[in-house]
Amino acid sequence: MVAFKNNNITDVSLEEATKEYNTLKQDSFLVTAAKGLGISFGD
């Protein structure tokens, strides 16, 4: 799985990616960029 970790794009195992719950603020640059690419978050 691909992850954005410590300001770097890297690979992580699915186990590592799902071991804890992570959230982003709706106005973060990552969410804004994803929405600009057409990714939907159900809102």
Protein backbone atom coordinates (compact mmCIF):
# COMPACT_ATOMS: atom_id res chain seq x y z
CA MET A 1 0.00 0.00 0.00
CA VAL A 2 1.18 3.55 -0.70
CA ALA A 3 1.28 6.08 2.15
CA PHE A 4 2.18 9.70 2.77
CA LYS A 5 4.40 9.41 5.85
CA ASN A 6 6.66 12.11 7.33
CA ASN A 7 6.21 14.26 4.21
CA ASN A 8 7.33 11.38 1.95
CA ILE A 9 5.48 8.96 -0.29
CA THR A 10 6.39 5.43 0.79
CA ASP A 11 5.08 1.88 0.90
CA VAL A 12 3.59 0.26 4.01
CA SER A 13 2.08 -3.13 4.74
CA LEU A 14 -1.71 -3.36 5.04
CA GLU A 15 -1.21 -4.39 8.68
CA GLU A 16 0.71 -1.19 9.42
CA ALA A 17 -1.74 0.95 7.45
CA THR A 18 -4.76 -0.32 9.38
CA LYS A 19 -3.43 -0.73 12.93
CA GLU A 20 -4.60 2.72 14.09
CA TYR A 21 -7.27 5.19 13.04
CA ASN A 22 -6.03 8.36 11.29
CA THR A 23 -8.01 11.44 10.34
CA LEU A 24 -7.44 14.55 8.24
CA LYS A 25 -9.03 17.94 8.66
CA GLN A 26 -11.46 18.68 5.82
CA ASP A 27 -9.52 21.81 4.88
CA SER A 28 -6.09 20.12 4.77
CA PHE A 29 -4.06 20.45 1.58
CA LEU A 30 -4.18 16.66 1.04
CA VAL A 31 -7.99 16.61 1.04
CA THR A 32 -8.13 19.69 -1.18
CA ALA A 33 -5.68 18.10 -3.64
CA ALA A 34 -7.58 14.80 -3.66
CA LYS A 35 -10.89 16.57 -4.33
CA GLY A 36 -9.19 18.50 -7.13
CA LEU A 37 -8.34 15.14 -8.71
CA GLY A 38 -11.97 14.06 -8.47
CA ILE A 39 -11.67 11.80 -5.41
CA SER A 40 -14.90 11.77 -3.39
CA PHE A 41 -15.12 11.48 0.39
CA GLY A 42 -18.91 11.09 0.56
CA ASP A 43 -19.60 14.65 1.64
